[in-house]
Amino acid sequence: MKIILGVSNRHVHLNKEDYFTLFGDEPMNKVKDLRQPGQFASDKFVTIKNGDRTIEHVRILGPIRNYTQVEISKTDAYTLKLNPPIRQSGDLENSSPITIVGPKGELNLDKGCILANRHIHISPEEVKTYNLEGVKKVKVKVDGEKGGILNNVYLKVQEPSLLEMHLDTDEGNAFGIKTGDELEIIELERDE
């Protein structure tokens, strides 16, 4: 089964209260739609930091969520001297603390920074269409000079969703792949 890739750069999701702390009543404007329905790259940027270690110009993705989360790569974690866990979006218990600095204020979060796990966005209807009921994760084959097998790619079943695999920039660079490339699911791991 073939699947389209989306390589995800570092970014921040904000809840309403935290957005207000960082940006006040400035509206969040859409710069471009992302492939996932309703998701977009906004015109807002922040600085993320840990002590005196900073990464500037980190994009806010919209829309507003019910939690605040910073998603970075392992390379970013080295830069910030953090050791965030690999997690699904929204699973923030015991995640790394981080500071987010915006034009109107600053957030000092005691948790909220993660390395996003490899995952495939898929709708419940697509799960049925592709006979993936009971599948929790898959293996994905990458062709090319730096090709290989990606293990532990989780299915993220939700509505609305469009079939797309997400990796972070470190993984994309390691395999020499980019957004829009086509990969192949080669093995399913069903629930027992």
N, C-alpha and C. Protein backbone atom coordinates (compact mmCIF):
# COMPACT_ATOMS: atom_id res chain seq x y z
N MET A 1 0.85 -1.18 0.00
CA MET A 1 0.00 0.00 0.00
C MET A 1 0.89 1.24 0.00
N LYS A 2 0.67 2.14 -0.94
CA LYS A 2 1.45 3.37 -1.07
C LYS A 2 0.85 4.47 -0.19
N ILE A 3 1.74 5.36 0.29
CA ILE A 3 1.30 6.45 1.15
C ILE A 3 2.16 7.68 0.90
N ILE A 4 1.53 8.86 0.96
CA ILE A 4 2.23 10.13 0.75
C ILE A 4 2.86 10.59 2.08
N LEU A 5 4.06 11.17 1.97
CA LEU A 5 4.81 11.62 3.15
C LEU A 5 4.65 13.11 3.37
N GLY A 6 4.58 13.48 4.64
CA GLY A 6 4.68 14.87 5.07
C GLY A 6 5.79 14.98 6.09
N VAL A 7 6.83 15.76 5.80
CA VAL A 7 7.93 15.95 6.75
C VAL A 7 7.61 17.19 7.58
N SER A 8 7.63 17.00 8.88
CA SER A 8 7.18 18.04 9.81
C SER A 8 8.35 18.73 10.50
N ASN A 9 8.45 20.04 10.30
CA ASN A 9 9.46 20.84 10.97
C ASN A 9 9.00 21.15 12.40
N ARG A 10 9.90 21.65 13.22
CA ARG A 10 9.53 22.06 14.59
C ARG A 10 8.35 23.02 14.52
N HIS A 11 7.44 22.92 15.50
CA HIS A 11 6.28 23.80 15.52
C HIS A 11 5.63 23.77 16.90
N VAL A 12 4.68 24.67 17.09
CA VAL A 12 3.98 24.81 18.36
C VAL A 12 2.47 24.81 18.11
N HIS A 13 1.75 24.10 18.98
CA HIS A 13 0.29 24.17 19.04
C HIS A 13 -0.06 24.89 20.34
N LEU A 14 -1.04 25.78 20.30
CA LEU A 14 -1.40 26.56 21.49
C LEU A 14 -2.87 26.42 21.83
N ASN A 15 -3.15 26.43 23.15
CA ASN A 15 -4.54 26.56 23.57
C ASN A 15 -4.89 28.05 23.60
N LYS A 16 -6.15 28.36 23.79
CA LYS A 16 -6.62 29.74 23.69
C LYS A 16 -5.96 30.67 24.71
N GLU A 17 -5.89 30.22 25.95
CA GLU A 17 -5.31 31.04 27.02
C GLU A 17 -3.83 31.33 26.74
N ASP A 18 -3.08 30.31 26.34
CA ASP A 18 -1.65 30.50 26.08
C ASP A 18 -1.42 31.36 24.84
N TYR A 19 -2.28 31.21 23.83
CA TYR A 19 -2.18 32.08 22.65
C TYR A 19 -2.33 33.55 23.09
N PHE A 20 -3.31 33.82 23.93
CA PHE A 20 -3.55 35.19 24.40
C PHE A 20 -2.33 35.72 25.16
N THR A 21 -1.72 34.87 26.01
CA THR A 21 -0.52 35.28 26.76
C THR A 21 0.60 35.70 25.81
N LEU A 22 0.77 34.95 24.73
CA LEU A 22 1.88 35.21 23.81
C LEU A 22 1.60 36.31 22.79
N PHE A 23 0.33 36.42 22.35
CA PHE A 23 0.01 37.32 21.24
C PHE A 23 -1.10 38.33 21.54
N GLY A 24 -1.65 38.30 22.75
CA GLY A 24 -2.74 39.21 23.07
C GLY A 24 -3.94 38.94 22.18
N ASP A 25 -4.59 40.00 21.73
CA ASP A 25 -5.79 39.81 20.90
C ASP A 25 -5.49 39.87 19.41
N GLU A 26 -4.20 39.75 19.02
CA GLU A 26 -3.86 39.67 17.60
C GLU A 26 -4.50 38.40 17.01
N PRO A 27 -5.14 38.52 15.85
CA PRO A 27 -5.73 37.32 15.25
C PRO A 27 -4.65 36.39 14.68
N MET A 28 -4.93 35.09 14.67
CA MET A 28 -4.06 34.12 14.03
C MET A 28 -4.51 34.00 12.58
N ASN A 29 -3.65 34.40 11.65
CA ASN A 29 -3.99 34.37 10.24
C ASN A 29 -3.37 33.16 9.55
N LYS A 30 -4.12 32.60 8.62
CA LYS A 30 -3.65 31.44 7.86
C LYS A 30 -2.70 31.89 6.75
N VAL A 31 -1.52 31.25 6.69
CA VAL A 31 -0.58 31.49 5.61
C VAL A 31 -0.82 30.46 4.51
N LYS A 32 -0.98 29.19 4.92
CA LYS A 32 -1.30 28.14 3.95
C LYS A 32 -1.94 26.97 4.67
N ASP A 33 -2.79 26.28 3.93
CA ASP A 33 -3.40 25.07 4.45
C ASP A 33 -2.38 23.95 4.49
N LEU A 34 -2.48 23.11 5.51
CA LEU A 34 -1.71 21.88 5.56
C LEU A 34 -2.58 20.78 4.95
N ARG A 35 -2.02 19.64 4.72
CA ARG A 35 -2.77 18.57 4.04
C ARG A 35 -3.91 18.04 4.91
N GLN A 36 -3.72 18.02 6.23
CA GLN A 36 -4.76 17.52 7.11
C GLN A 36 -5.91 18.53 7.19
N PRO A 37 -7.15 18.08 7.03
CA PRO A 37 -8.31 18.99 6.99
C PRO A 37 -8.37 19.91 8.21
N GLY A 38 -8.52 21.21 7.94
CA GLY A 38 -8.66 22.20 9.00
C GLY A 38 -7.35 22.68 9.61
N GLN A 39 -6.25 22.02 9.30
CA GLN A 39 -4.95 22.40 9.86
C GLN A 39 -4.27 23.42 8.94
N PHE A 40 -3.54 24.37 9.54
CA PHE A 40 -2.87 25.38 8.72
C PHE A 40 -1.63 25.93 9.39
N ALA A 41 -0.72 26.43 8.55
CA ALA A 41 0.45 27.17 9.02
C ALA A 41 0.00 28.61 9.22
N SER A 42 0.27 29.15 10.40
CA SER A 42 -0.18 30.52 10.70
C SER A 42 0.94 31.51 10.42
N ASP A 43 0.61 32.78 10.57
CA ASP A 43 1.58 33.86 10.40
C ASP A 43 2.30 34.20 11.70
N LYS A 44 2.10 33.39 12.72
CA LYS A 44 2.68 33.68 14.04
C LYS A 44 3.89 32.80 14.33
N PHE A 45 4.91 33.42 14.95
CA PHE A 45 6.15 32.72 15.32
C PHE A 45 6.51 33.05 16.76
N VAL A 46 7.22 32.11 17.38
CA VAL A 46 7.70 32.30 18.75
C VAL A 46 9.15 31.86 18.83
N THR A 47 9.75 32.13 19.96
CA THR A 47 11.07 31.58 20.31
C THR A 47 10.84 30.53 21.38
N ILE A 48 11.49 29.38 21.24
CA ILE A 48 11.44 28.37 22.30
C ILE A 48 12.80 28.34 22.96
N LYS A 49 12.81 28.09 24.27
CA LYS A 49 14.10 28.11 24.95
C LYS A 49 14.11 27.22 26.18
N ASN A 50 15.32 26.87 26.56
CA ASN A 50 15.61 26.14 27.79
C ASN A 50 16.84 26.81 28.38
N GLY A 51 16.65 27.58 29.45
CA GLY A 51 17.75 28.35 30.01
C GLY A 51 18.22 29.37 28.98
N ASP A 52 19.53 29.36 28.68
CA ASP A 52 20.06 30.31 27.69
C ASP A 52 20.11 29.73 26.27
N ARG A 53 19.61 28.52 26.09
CA ARG A 53 19.56 27.87 24.78
C ARG A 53 18.24 28.21 24.10
N THR A 54 18.31 28.74 22.87
CA THR A 54 17.09 29.17 22.20
C THR A 54 17.04 28.70 20.74
N ILE A 55 15.82 28.58 20.24
CA ILE A 55 15.56 28.41 18.82
C ILE A 55 14.49 29.44 18.46
N GLU A 56 14.82 30.32 17.53
CA GLU A 56 13.92 31.39 17.15
C GLU A 56 13.10 31.01 15.93
N HIS A 57 12.06 31.79 15.70
CA HIS A 57 11.24 31.70 14.48
C HIS A 57 10.58 30.31 14.35
N VAL A 58 9.94 29.87 15.42
CA VAL A 58 9.22 28.59 15.41
C VAL A 58 7.75 28.88 15.14
N ARG A 59 7.22 28.25 14.10
CA ARG A 59 5.88 28.57 13.63
C ARG A 59 4.79 28.00 14.54
N ILE A 60 3.72 28.77 14.69
CA ILE A 60 2.50 28.31 15.34
C ILE A 60 1.62 27.70 14.27
N LEU A 61 1.12 26.49 14.54
CA LEU A 61 0.15 25.86 13.64
C LEU A 61 -1.24 26.03 14.21
N GLY A 62 -2.20 26.24 13.33
CA GLY A 62 -3.57 26.40 13.74
C GLY A 62 -4.40 25.21 13.31
N PRO A 63 -5.59 25.13 13.84
CA PRO A 63 -6.26 26.12 14.69
C PRO A 63 -5.85 25.97 16.16
N ILE A 64 -6.45 26.81 16.99
CA ILE A 64 -6.25 26.71 18.44
C ILE A 64 -6.65 25.30 18.90
N ARG A 65 -5.87 24.73 19.79
CA ARG A 65 -6.16 23.40 20.33
C ARG A 65 -6.58 23.51 21.79
N ASN A 66 -6.87 22.36 22.40
CA ASN A 66 -7.23 22.39 23.82
C ASN A 66 -6.02 22.10 24.70
N TYR A 67 -4.82 22.05 24.12
CA TYR A 67 -3.58 21.89 24.87
C TYR A 67 -2.47 22.65 24.14
N THR A 68 -1.42 22.96 24.89
CA THR A 68 -0.24 23.61 24.32
C THR A 68 0.88 22.59 24.25
N GLN A 69 1.53 22.53 23.08
CA GLN A 69 2.55 21.51 22.84
C GLN A 69 3.61 22.05 21.89
N VAL A 70 4.87 21.73 22.19
CA VAL A 70 5.99 22.05 21.32
C VAL A 70 6.52 20.74 20.75
N GLU A 71 6.60 20.63 19.43
CA GLU A 71 7.14 19.45 18.77
C GLU A 71 8.46 19.82 18.11
N ILE A 72 9.51 19.09 18.49
CA ILE A 72 10.85 19.36 17.97
C ILE A 72 11.48 18.06 17.48
N SER A 73 12.63 18.18 16.84
CA SER A 73 13.40 17.01 16.43
C SER A 73 14.48 16.72 17.48
N LYS A 74 15.13 15.58 17.34
CA LYS A 74 16.22 15.23 18.27
C LYS A 74 17.37 16.24 18.14
N THR A 75 17.64 16.70 16.93
CA THR A 75 18.67 17.72 16.73
C THR A 75 18.32 18.99 17.49
N ASP A 76 17.04 19.41 17.43
CA ASP A 76 16.60 20.57 18.21
C ASP A 76 16.78 20.32 19.70
N ALA A 77 16.48 19.10 20.14
CA ALA A 77 16.63 18.75 21.55
C ALA A 77 18.08 18.90 22.00
N TYR A 78 19.03 18.49 21.16
CA TYR A 78 20.45 18.68 21.48
C TYR A 78 20.77 20.17 21.60
N THR A 79 20.26 20.96 20.68
CA THR A 79 20.49 22.41 20.71
C THR A 79 19.97 23.01 22.01
N LEU A 80 18.79 22.55 22.45
CA LEU A 80 18.16 23.11 23.65
C LEU A 80 18.60 22.41 24.94
N LYS A 81 19.42 21.36 24.80
CA LYS A 81 19.83 20.55 25.96
C LYS A 81 18.62 20.01 26.71
N LEU A 82 17.70 19.39 25.93
CA LEU A 82 16.51 18.74 26.47
C LEU A 82 16.53 17.27 26.07
N ASN A 83 15.73 16.49 26.77
CA ASN A 83 15.57 15.08 26.41
C ASN A 83 14.08 14.73 26.41
N PRO A 84 13.33 15.30 25.45
CA PRO A 84 11.89 15.05 25.45
C PRO A 84 11.56 13.62 25.03
N PRO A 85 10.46 13.09 25.53
CA PRO A 85 10.05 11.74 25.16
C PRO A 85 9.44 11.71 23.76
N ILE A 86 9.45 10.52 23.16
CA ILE A 86 8.76 10.30 21.89
C ILE A 86 7.31 10.00 22.24
N ARG A 87 6.40 10.82 21.72
CA ARG A 87 5.00 10.71 22.11
C ARG A 87 4.06 10.99 20.96
N GLN A 88 2.81 10.57 21.16
CA GLN A 88 1.73 11.00 20.27
C GLN A 88 1.32 12.41 20.68
N SER A 89 0.85 13.15 19.73
CA SER A 89 0.38 14.50 19.99
C SER A 89 -0.67 14.48 21.10
N GLY A 90 -0.51 15.39 22.07
CA GLY A 90 -1.45 15.50 23.17
C GLY A 90 -1.09 14.67 24.39
N ASP A 91 -0.15 13.73 24.27
CA ASP A 91 0.30 12.91 25.41
C ASP A 91 1.46 13.63 26.08
N LEU A 92 1.14 14.50 27.02
CA LEU A 92 2.14 15.41 27.57
C LEU A 92 2.61 15.08 28.98
N GLU A 93 2.04 14.05 29.61
CA GLU A 93 2.49 13.68 30.95
C GLU A 93 3.97 13.35 30.93
N ASN A 94 4.71 13.92 31.87
CA ASN A 94 6.16 13.70 32.01
C ASN A 94 6.94 14.07 30.75
N SER A 95 6.40 14.99 29.96
CA SER A 95 7.15 15.51 28.82
C SER A 95 8.08 16.62 29.33
N SER A 96 8.94 17.11 28.45
CA SER A 96 9.96 18.08 28.88
C SER A 96 9.39 19.47 29.12
N PRO A 97 9.93 20.15 30.12
CA PRO A 97 9.57 21.54 30.33
C PRO A 97 10.19 22.40 29.23
N ILE A 98 9.58 23.53 28.95
CA ILE A 98 10.11 24.43 27.92
C ILE A 98 9.50 25.82 28.13
N THR A 99 10.21 26.83 27.66
CA THR A 99 9.72 28.21 27.70
C THR A 99 9.40 28.64 26.28
N ILE A 100 8.26 29.31 26.13
CA ILE A 100 7.84 29.84 24.82
C ILE A 100 7.73 31.36 24.97
N VAL A 101 8.42 32.08 24.10
CA VAL A 101 8.44 33.54 24.16
C VAL A 101 7.75 34.10 22.92
N GLY A 102 6.73 34.93 23.16
CA GLY A 102 6.03 35.60 22.08
C GLY A 102 6.19 37.09 22.19
N PRO A 103 5.58 37.85 21.28
CA PRO A 103 5.74 39.30 21.30
C PRO A 103 5.06 39.99 22.49
N LYS A 104 4.07 39.33 23.11
CA LYS A 104 3.33 39.97 24.20
C LYS A 104 3.59 39.34 25.56
N GLY A 105 4.25 38.16 25.59
CA GLY A 105 4.46 37.50 26.88
C GLY A 105 5.27 36.23 26.73
N GLU A 106 5.37 35.52 27.86
CA GLU A 106 6.21 34.32 27.93
C GLU A 106 5.49 33.25 28.72
N LEU A 107 5.64 32.01 28.29
CA LEU A 107 5.09 30.86 29.00
C LEU A 107 6.23 30.01 29.50
N ASN A 108 6.22 29.68 30.78
CA ASN A 108 7.20 28.75 31.34
C ASN A 108 6.45 27.47 31.67
N LEU A 109 6.50 26.52 30.74
CA LEU A 109 5.73 25.28 30.88
C LEU A 109 6.54 24.23 31.62
N ASP A 110 5.90 23.56 32.59
CA ASP A 110 6.58 22.47 33.29
C ASP A 110 6.51 21.16 32.51
N LYS A 111 5.71 21.14 31.45
CA LYS A 111 5.63 20.01 30.52
C LYS A 111 5.07 20.53 29.21
N GLY A 112 5.29 19.77 28.13
CA GLY A 112 4.71 20.18 26.87
C GLY A 112 5.59 20.02 25.66
N CYS A 113 6.87 19.65 25.85
CA CYS A 113 7.77 19.49 24.71
C CYS A 113 7.96 18.00 24.43
N ILE A 114 7.74 17.59 23.16
CA ILE A 114 7.86 16.19 22.78
C ILE A 114 8.60 16.04 21.45
N LEU A 115 9.05 14.83 21.20
CA LEU A 115 9.43 14.38 19.87
C LEU A 115 8.22 13.59 19.39
N ALA A 116 7.60 14.03 18.30
CA ALA A 116 6.40 13.33 17.82
C ALA A 116 6.78 11.96 17.26
N ASN A 117 5.99 10.95 17.61
CA ASN A 117 6.25 9.62 17.06
C ASN A 117 5.93 9.61 15.56
N ARG A 118 6.51 8.63 14.87
CA ARG A 118 6.16 8.44 13.46
C ARG A 118 4.71 8.01 13.41
N HIS A 119 3.94 8.63 12.53
CA HIS A 119 2.53 8.27 12.50
C HIS A 119 1.93 8.49 11.12
N ILE A 120 0.81 7.84 10.93
CA ILE A 120 0.03 7.97 9.70
C ILE A 120 -1.35 8.49 10.07
N HIS A 121 -1.72 9.63 9.53
CA HIS A 121 -3.08 10.15 9.70
C HIS A 121 -3.99 9.33 8.78
N ILE A 122 -5.07 8.85 9.36
CA ILE A 122 -6.00 8.02 8.59
C ILE A 122 -7.39 8.14 9.21
N SER A 123 -8.40 8.22 8.37
CA SER A 123 -9.78 8.33 8.85
C SER A 123 -10.34 6.94 9.14
N PRO A 124 -11.38 6.86 9.97
CA PRO A 124 -12.02 5.56 10.21
C PRO A 124 -12.50 4.90 8.92
N GLU A 125 -12.98 5.71 7.98
CA GLU A 125 -13.44 5.17 6.70
C GLU A 125 -12.27 4.56 5.91
N GLU A 126 -11.12 5.24 5.93
CA GLU A 126 -9.94 4.71 5.24
C GLU A 126 -9.43 3.43 5.90
N VAL A 127 -9.56 3.35 7.22
CA VAL A 127 -9.18 2.12 7.93
C VAL A 127 -9.96 0.94 7.35
N LYS A 128 -11.26 1.14 7.15
CA LYS A 128 -12.10 0.08 6.58
C LYS A 128 -11.74 -0.18 5.12
N THR A 129 -11.58 0.88 4.34
CA THR A 129 -11.27 0.76 2.92
C THR A 129 -10.00 -0.06 2.69
N TYR A 130 -8.98 0.18 3.52
CA TYR A 130 -7.69 -0.49 3.33
C TYR A 130 -7.51 -1.73 4.22
N ASN A 131 -8.63 -2.19 4.83
CA ASN A 131 -8.59 -3.39 5.67
C ASN A 131 -7.54 -3.30 6.78
N LEU A 132 -7.58 -2.21 7.52
CA LEU A 132 -6.61 -1.98 8.59
C LEU A 132 -7.25 -2.04 9.98
N GLU A 133 -8.44 -2.64 10.08
CA GLU A 133 -9.07 -2.77 11.39
C GLU A 133 -8.16 -3.57 12.31
N GLY A 134 -8.01 -3.08 13.54
CA GLY A 134 -7.19 -3.78 14.53
C GLY A 134 -5.70 -3.56 14.37
N VAL A 135 -5.28 -2.73 13.40
CA VAL A 135 -3.85 -2.45 13.20
C VAL A 135 -3.48 -1.24 14.04
N LYS A 136 -2.46 -1.39 14.84
CA LYS A 136 -1.98 -0.31 15.70
C LYS A 136 -0.79 0.41 15.07
N LYS A 137 0.12 -0.37 14.47
CA LYS A 137 1.28 0.22 13.83
C LYS A 137 1.72 -0.63 12.65
N VAL A 138 2.57 -0.01 11.80
CA VAL A 138 3.00 -0.65 10.56
C VAL A 138 4.49 -0.44 10.36
N LYS A 139 5.04 -1.16 9.37
CA LYS A 139 6.39 -0.92 8.89
C LYS A 139 6.26 -0.30 7.51
N VAL A 140 7.14 0.68 7.24
CA VAL A 140 7.08 1.40 5.98
C VAL A 140 8.44 1.33 5.29
N LYS A 141 8.40 1.01 3.99
CA LYS A 141 9.61 0.89 3.18
C LYS A 141 9.89 2.22 2.48
N VAL A 142 11.18 2.63 2.54
CA VAL A 142 11.64 3.82 1.86
C VAL A 142 12.61 3.37 0.77
N ASP A 143 12.32 3.72 -0.48
CA ASP A 143 13.23 3.41 -1.59
C ASP A 143 14.27 4.53 -1.72
N GLY A 144 15.25 4.33 -2.59
CA GLY A 144 16.24 5.36 -2.87
C GLY A 144 17.60 5.02 -2.30
N GLU A 145 18.56 5.91 -2.56
CA GLU A 145 19.94 5.69 -2.14
C GLU A 145 20.09 5.52 -0.63
N LYS A 146 19.29 6.22 0.13
CA LYS A 146 19.36 6.13 1.59
C LYS A 146 18.16 5.38 2.16
N GLY A 147 17.57 4.53 1.32
CA GLY A 147 16.35 3.82 1.70
C GLY A 147 16.54 2.88 2.87
N GLY A 148 15.42 2.39 3.36
CA GLY A 148 15.42 1.47 4.49
C GLY A 148 14.00 1.21 4.95
N ILE A 149 13.89 0.66 6.15
CA ILE A 149 12.59 0.33 6.72
C ILE A 149 12.37 1.19 7.97
N LEU A 150 11.21 1.82 8.03
CA LEU A 150 10.80 2.57 9.22
C LEU A 150 9.87 1.68 10.04
N ASN A 151 10.31 1.30 11.23
CA ASN A 151 9.50 0.51 12.15
C ASN A 151 8.68 1.44 13.04
N ASN A 152 7.69 0.85 13.72
CA ASN A 152 6.93 1.58 14.73
C ASN A 152 6.29 2.86 14.20
N VAL A 153 5.60 2.74 13.07
CA VAL A 153 4.83 3.85 12.52
C VAL A 153 3.39 3.64 12.96
N TYR A 154 2.91 4.50 13.83
CA TYR A 154 1.59 4.34 14.44
C TYR A 154 0.49 4.89 13.55
N LEU A 155 -0.66 4.23 13.57
CA LEU A 155 -1.83 4.76 12.89
C LEU A 155 -2.55 5.72 13.82
N LYS A 156 -2.80 6.92 13.34
CA LYS A 156 -3.52 7.93 14.10
C LYS A 156 -4.89 8.07 13.46
N VAL A 157 -5.84 7.31 13.99
CA VAL A 157 -7.17 7.24 13.41
C VAL A 157 -8.03 8.35 14.01
N GLN A 158 -8.49 9.26 13.16
CA GLN A 158 -9.36 10.34 13.63
C GLN A 158 -10.11 10.93 12.45
N GLU A 159 -11.18 11.60 12.79
CA GLU A 159 -12.01 12.27 11.79
C GLU A 159 -12.01 13.75 12.10
N PRO A 160 -11.75 14.65 11.16
CA PRO A 160 -11.41 14.34 9.77
C PRO A 160 -9.92 14.07 9.64
N SER A 161 -9.55 13.25 8.69
CA SER A 161 -8.15 12.93 8.37
C SER A 161 -8.03 12.63 6.90
N LEU A 162 -6.83 12.85 6.39
CA LEU A 162 -6.49 12.47 5.03
C LEU A 162 -5.25 11.60 5.12
N LEU A 163 -5.24 10.50 4.42
CA LEU A 163 -4.16 9.53 4.49
C LEU A 163 -2.81 10.19 4.20
N GLU A 164 -1.93 10.23 5.22
CA GLU A 164 -0.63 10.87 5.09
C GLU A 164 0.25 10.42 6.25
N MET A 165 1.52 10.12 5.94
CA MET A 165 2.49 9.75 6.97
C MET A 165 3.30 10.97 7.37
N HIS A 166 3.55 11.12 8.68
CA HIS A 166 4.36 12.23 9.19
C HIS A 166 5.63 11.72 9.87
N LEU A 167 6.74 12.34 9.47
CA LEU A 167 8.05 12.15 10.09
C LEU A 167 8.58 13.52 10.46
N ASP A 168 9.59 13.56 11.34
CA ASP A 168 10.22 14.85 11.60
C ASP A 168 11.38 15.07 10.64
N THR A 169 11.97 16.25 10.68
CA THR A 169 13.02 16.61 9.73
C THR A 169 14.25 15.72 9.85
N ASP A 170 14.61 15.31 11.06
CA ASP A 170 15.76 14.41 11.22
C ASP A 170 15.55 13.11 10.46
N GLU A 171 14.36 12.52 10.61
CA GLU A 171 14.07 11.26 9.94
C GLU A 171 14.01 11.44 8.43
N GLY A 172 13.39 12.52 7.98
CA GLY A 172 13.34 12.79 6.55
C GLY A 172 14.73 12.94 5.96
N ASN A 173 15.58 13.69 6.64
CA ASN A 173 16.95 13.89 6.15
C ASN A 173 17.75 12.59 6.17
N ALA A 174 17.58 11.79 7.21
CA ALA A 174 18.33 10.53 7.32
C ALA A 174 18.02 9.58 6.17
N PHE A 175 16.77 9.58 5.71
CA PHE A 175 16.37 8.69 4.62
C PHE A 175 16.39 9.38 3.25
N GLY A 176 16.76 10.67 3.22
CA GLY A 176 16.81 11.39 1.95
C GLY A 176 15.44 11.56 1.30
N ILE A 177 14.40 11.77 2.13
CA ILE A 177 13.05 11.90 1.62
C ILE A 177 12.46 13.25 2.00
N LYS A 178 11.40 13.64 1.28
CA LYS A 178 10.81 14.95 1.50
C LYS A 178 9.29 14.89 1.37
N THR A 179 8.64 15.95 1.80
CA THR A 179 7.19 16.05 1.69
C THR A 179 6.76 15.79 0.24
N GLY A 180 5.74 14.94 0.10
CA GLY A 180 5.21 14.61 -1.21
C GLY A 180 5.75 13.31 -1.77
N ASP A 181 6.85 12.79 -1.19
CA ASP A 181 7.38 11.51 -1.64
C ASP A 181 6.40 10.40 -1.31
N GLU A 182 6.48 9.32 -2.07
CA GLU A 182 5.60 8.17 -1.87
C GLU A 182 6.38 7.03 -1.22
N LEU A 183 5.83 6.51 -0.13
CA LEU A 183 6.43 5.40 0.60
C LEU A 183 5.46 4.22 0.53
N GLU A 184 5.89 3.06 1.05
CA GLU A 184 5.06 1.87 0.94
C GLU A 184 4.93 1.16 2.29
N ILE A 185 3.69 0.95 2.72
CA ILE A 185 3.44 0.14 3.91
C ILE A 185 3.67 -1.31 3.53
N ILE A 186 4.57 -1.99 4.28
CA ILE A 186 4.92 -3.37 3.90
C ILE A 186 4.53 -4.41 4.95
N GLU A 187 4.23 -3.98 6.15
CA GLU A 187 3.88 -4.96 7.18
C GLU A 187 2.95 -4.33 8.20
N LEU A 188 1.95 -5.08 8.62
CA LEU A 188 0.97 -4.62 9.60
C LEU A 188 1.19 -5.31 10.92
N GLU A 189 0.99 -4.59 12.01
CA GLU A 189 1.03 -5.18 13.35
C GLU A 189 -0.36 -5.03 13.95
N ARG A 190 -1.10 -6.14 13.95
CA ARG A 190 -2.48 -6.11 14.45
C ARG A 190 -2.52 -6.31 15.96
N ASP A 191 -3.56 -5.75 16.58
CA ASP A 191 -3.79 -5.99 18.01
C ASP A 191 -4.05 -7.47 18.24
N GLU A 192 -3.59 -7.95 19.37
CA GLU A 192 -3.83 -9.37 19.69
C GLU A 192 -4.90 -9.52 20.72
